[in-house]
Amino acid sequence: QVQLVESGGGLVQAGGSLRLSCAASGIIFSMKTMGWYRQAPGKQRELVAAQTRGGSTNYADSVKGRFTISRDNAKNTVYLQMNSLKPEDTAVYYCNFRSVMGESWGQGTQVTVSS
């Protein structure tokens, strides 16, 4: 079982930046991917960015060029640097961990972008 603890959400004006962090603990040696999803009110949860164990990344088209996912293996932490934020980025952001043993989710952190 993997535990995920997110931090870094908040309120920011359009055009601003935030950095989300997700610290993983538990049985993490079997990681396949680690990434971020988001869910806005009334919408389905969607992939924002993910990174494989080997370092390959995948981004939603809506965030390409603005968001960057990175990982610190020594700290078992994944980050999401969000720049040029837009009101439509407002959502609850969830950290996701996938391994051969299953999937874990963080508790979610709110990101609100004001216009």
Protein backbone atom coordinates (compact mmCIF):
# COMPACT_ATOMS: atom_id res chain seq x y z
CA GLN A 1 0.00 0.00 0.00
CA VAL A 2 1.25 3.47 -0.94
CA GLN A 3 0.30 6.61 0.91
CA LEU A 4 0.29 9.95 -0.92
CA VAL A 5 0.31 13.36 0.75
CA GLU A 6 -0.26 16.40 -1.43
CA SER A 7 0.48 20.04 -0.73
CA GLY A 8 0.82 23.35 -2.52
CA GLY A 9 -2.68 24.19 -3.66
CA GLY A 10 -4.28 27.57 -3.11
CA LEU A 11 -5.75 30.69 -4.65
CA VAL A 12 -3.88 32.52 -7.38
CA GLN A 13 -4.67 35.15 -9.97
CA ALA A 14 -4.76 34.31 -13.65
CA GLY A 15 -1.25 34.32 -15.06
CA GLY A 16 0.26 33.28 -11.75
CA SER A 17 2.09 30.14 -10.72
CA LEU A 18 1.77 27.36 -8.17
CA ARG A 19 3.77 24.24 -7.42
CA LEU A 20 2.09 21.11 -6.16
CA SER A 21 3.99 18.43 -4.27
CA CYS A 22 3.10 14.81 -3.62
CA ALA A 23 5.14 12.76 -1.19
CA ALA A 24 4.84 8.99 -1.44
CA SER A 25 5.52 6.47 1.30
CA GLY A 26 5.08 2.74 1.62
CA ILE A 27 5.87 0.08 -0.98
CA ILE A 28 6.99 2.26 -3.86
CA PHE A 29 9.75 0.22 -5.49
CA SER A 30 7.30 -1.23 -8.00
CA MET A 31 6.18 2.14 -9.37
CA LYS A 32 5.07 2.26 -12.99
CA THR A 33 3.78 5.83 -13.23
CA MET A 34 3.21 8.77 -10.93
CA GLY A 35 1.23 11.81 -11.89
CA TRP A 36 -1.53 14.33 -11.41
CA TYR A 37 -5.20 14.35 -12.27
CA ARG A 38 -7.77 17.05 -11.69
CA GLN A 39 -11.51 17.28 -11.30
CA ALA A 40 -13.52 20.45 -11.73
CA PRO A 41 -17.10 20.77 -10.42
CA GLY A 42 -19.50 18.85 -12.61
CA LYS A 43 -16.73 17.33 -14.71
CA GLN A 44 -14.98 14.00 -14.85
CA ARG A 45 -11.53 13.52 -13.40
CA GLU A 46 -8.92 14.01 -16.12
CA LEU A 47 -5.22 13.40 -16.53
CA VAL A 48 -3.06 16.50 -16.19
CA ALA A 49 0.45 15.05 -16.34
CA ALA A 50 2.17 11.77 -15.62
CA GLN A 51 5.69 10.44 -15.55
CA THR A 52 6.84 6.85 -15.94
CA ARG A 53 9.50 5.17 -13.86
CA GLY A 54 11.87 5.70 -16.77
CA GLY A 55 11.15 9.40 -16.92
CA SER A 56 8.85 9.64 -19.92
CA THR A 57 6.15 12.27 -19.52
CA ASN A 58 2.62 12.73 -20.79
CA TYR A 59 0.61 15.95 -20.60
CA ALA A 60 -2.95 16.95 -21.31
CA ASP A 61 -3.10 19.17 -24.39
CA SER A 62 -4.64 21.95 -22.32
CA VAL A 63 -1.56 22.26 -20.08
CA LYS A 64 1.29 21.61 -22.52
CA GLY A 65 3.84 24.39 -22.39
CA ARG A 66 2.50 25.68 -19.07
CA PHE A 67 2.80 22.77 -16.61
CA THR A 68 5.85 20.66 -15.86
CA ILE A 69 5.95 17.40 -13.95
CA SER A 70 9.13 16.32 -12.20
CA ARG A 71 10.23 13.80 -9.61
CA ASP A 72 12.80 13.71 -6.82
CA ASN A 73 13.60 10.04 -6.34
CA ALA A 74 15.57 10.66 -3.16
CA LYS A 75 12.51 12.23 -1.55
CA ASN A 76 9.94 9.96 -3.25
CA THR A 77 8.17 13.15 -4.27
CA VAL A 78 6.56 14.25 -7.51
CA TYR A 79 5.96 17.89 -8.34
CA LEU A 80 3.70 19.78 -10.70
CA GLN A 81 4.92 23.24 -11.59
CA MET A 82 2.00 25.23 -12.96
CA ASN A 83 2.69 28.48 -14.77
CA SER A 84 0.46 30.89 -16.69
CA LEU A 85 -2.53 29.61 -14.79
CA LYS A 86 -6.00 30.17 -16.23
CA PRO A 87 -9.42 30.21 -14.55
CA GLU A 88 -10.21 26.96 -16.34
CA ASP A 89 -7.39 25.30 -14.41
CA THR A 90 -9.51 25.62 -11.27
CA ALA A 91 -10.09 22.14 -9.88
CA VAL A 92 -9.17 19.70 -7.17
CA TYR A 93 -5.84 18.17 -8.10
CA TYR A 94 -5.12 14.56 -7.15
CA CYS A 95 -1.82 12.76 -7.02
CA ASN A 96 -1.85 9.27 -8.54
CA PHE A 97 0.54 6.35 -8.10
CA ARG A 98 0.40 3.20 -10.21
CA SER A 99 2.39 0.05 -9.77
CA VAL A 100 2.16 -3.63 -10.56
CA MET A 101 0.36 -3.95 -7.22
CA GLY A 102 -2.39 -1.46 -7.94
CA GLU A 103 -3.23 2.22 -7.74
CA SER A 104 -3.29 4.84 -5.00
CA TRP A 105 -4.73 8.35 -4.84
CA GLY A 106 -3.98 11.35 -2.69
CA GLN A 107 -6.64 13.24 -0.81
CA GLY A 108 -6.69 16.10 -3.29
CA THR A 109 -5.65 19.73 -3.09
CA GLN A 110 -7.75 22.66 -4.28
CA VAL A 111 -6.39 25.01 -6.92
CA THR A 112 -8.44 28.13 -7.60
CA VAL A 113 -7.49 30.60 -10.31
CA SER A 114 -9.27 33.94 -10.23
CA SER A 115 -9.79 36.05 -13.34
